[in-house]
């Protein structure tokens, strides 16, 4: 599938990227945000970004994003059940 995004002329130049680099960066940022908000699994986010799942996890680390998407309540419940 293809998504078309309108953006100001020359924006890729303003961020020192080629059009291809800019498109890849937008895909990566969308994938990271959708993964962070639990809208995509890591596998689907990696597919959206056009990279492997391992590369996606490495990228999460570079952006200091946890690869464990659990709410505080879920973490507490998990820890409580492990201690019981």
Protein backbone atom coordinates (compact mmCIF):
# COMPACT_ATOMS: atom_id res chain seq x y z
CA UNK A 1 0.00 0.00 0.00
CA UNK A 2 1.07 3.58 -0.55
CA UNK A 3 0.41 6.61 1.64
CA UNK A 4 0.95 10.04 0.18
CA UNK A 5 1.94 12.85 2.54
CA UNK A 6 1.96 16.49 1.54
CA UNK A 7 4.85 18.47 2.98
CA UNK A 8 6.41 21.86 2.25
CA UNK A 9 8.74 22.04 -0.74
CA UNK A 10 12.36 21.68 0.28
CA UNK A 11 11.64 20.21 3.71
CA UNK A 12 13.95 17.26 3.07
CA UNK A 13 16.73 19.72 2.24
CA UNK A 14 16.03 21.67 5.44
CA UNK A 15 16.67 18.50 7.45
CA UNK A 16 19.73 17.60 5.32
CA UNK A 17 18.24 14.49 3.73
CA UNK A 18 17.49 13.23 0.27
CA UNK A 19 13.85 12.57 -0.61
CA UNK A 20 14.45 8.85 -0.12
CA UNK A 21 16.10 9.36 3.28
CA UNK A 22 13.28 11.66 4.33
CA UNK A 23 10.63 9.10 3.30
CA UNK A 24 12.46 6.37 5.23
CA UNK A 25 12.74 8.60 8.30
CA UNK A 26 9.02 9.44 8.23
CA UNK A 27 8.19 5.72 7.98
CA UNK A 28 10.53 4.95 10.88
CA UNK A 29 9.11 7.71 13.07
CA UNK A 30 5.55 6.55 12.34
CA UNK A 31 6.51 2.97 13.16
CA UNK A 32 8.20 3.97 16.43
CA UNK A 33 5.26 6.09 17.57
CA UNK A 34 2.67 3.48 16.65
CA UNK A 35 4.69 0.80 18.48
CA UNK A 36 5.12 3.07 21.51
CA UNK A 37 1.36 3.69 21.66
CA UNK A 38 0.68 -0.08 21.31
CA UNK A 39 -1.06 0.33 17.96
CA UNK A 40 1.47 -1.95 16.20
CA UNK A 41 3.41 -4.99 17.32
CA UNK A 42 7.19 -4.84 17.01
CA UNK A 43 7.03 -7.06 13.95
CA UNK A 44 4.46 -4.92 12.14
CA UNK A 45 6.31 -1.73 13.16
CA UNK A 46 9.52 -3.18 11.73
CA UNK A 47 7.69 -3.98 8.49
CA UNK A 48 6.36 -0.42 8.30
CA UNK A 49 9.86 0.94 8.88
CA UNK A 50 11.29 -1.39 6.23
CA UNK A 51 13.81 -2.98 8.59
CA UNK A 52 14.20 -6.28 10.43
CA UNK A 53 12.70 -6.78 13.87
CA UNK A 54 16.20 -6.89 15.39
CA UNK A 55 17.06 -3.58 13.69
CA UNK A 56 13.78 -2.15 14.98
CA UNK A 57 14.66 -3.15 18.56
CA UNK A 58 18.12 -1.59 18.13
CA UNK A 59 16.47 1.58 16.85
CA UNK A 60 14.17 1.63 19.88
CA UNK A 61 17.30 1.57 22.03
CA UNK A 62 18.85 4.46 20.11
CA UNK A 63 15.70 6.49 20.75
CA UNK A 64 15.59 5.32 24.40
CA UNK A 65 12.24 3.65 23.81
CA UNK A 66 11.35 0.59 25.82
CA UNK A 67 10.62 -2.54 23.81
CA UNK A 68 8.41 -3.73 26.66
CA UNK A 69 5.06 -2.00 26.23
CA UNK A 70 3.40 -2.71 29.54
CA UNK A 71 1.35 -0.25 31.55
CA UNK A 72 2.33 0.35 35.17
CA UNK A 73 -0.68 -1.71 36.28
CA UNK A 74 0.36 -4.62 34.05
CA UNK A 75 3.93 -4.53 35.38
CA UNK A 76 2.70 -4.41 38.97
CA UNK A 77 0.32 -7.33 38.39
CA UNK A 78 3.08 -9.35 36.73
CA UNK A 79 5.54 -8.68 39.58
CA UNK A 80 2.92 -9.43 42.20
CA UNK A 81 2.05 -12.76 40.57
CA UNK A 82 5.76 -13.67 40.36
CA UNK A 83 6.23 -12.96 44.07
CA UNK A 84 3.21 -14.99 45.14
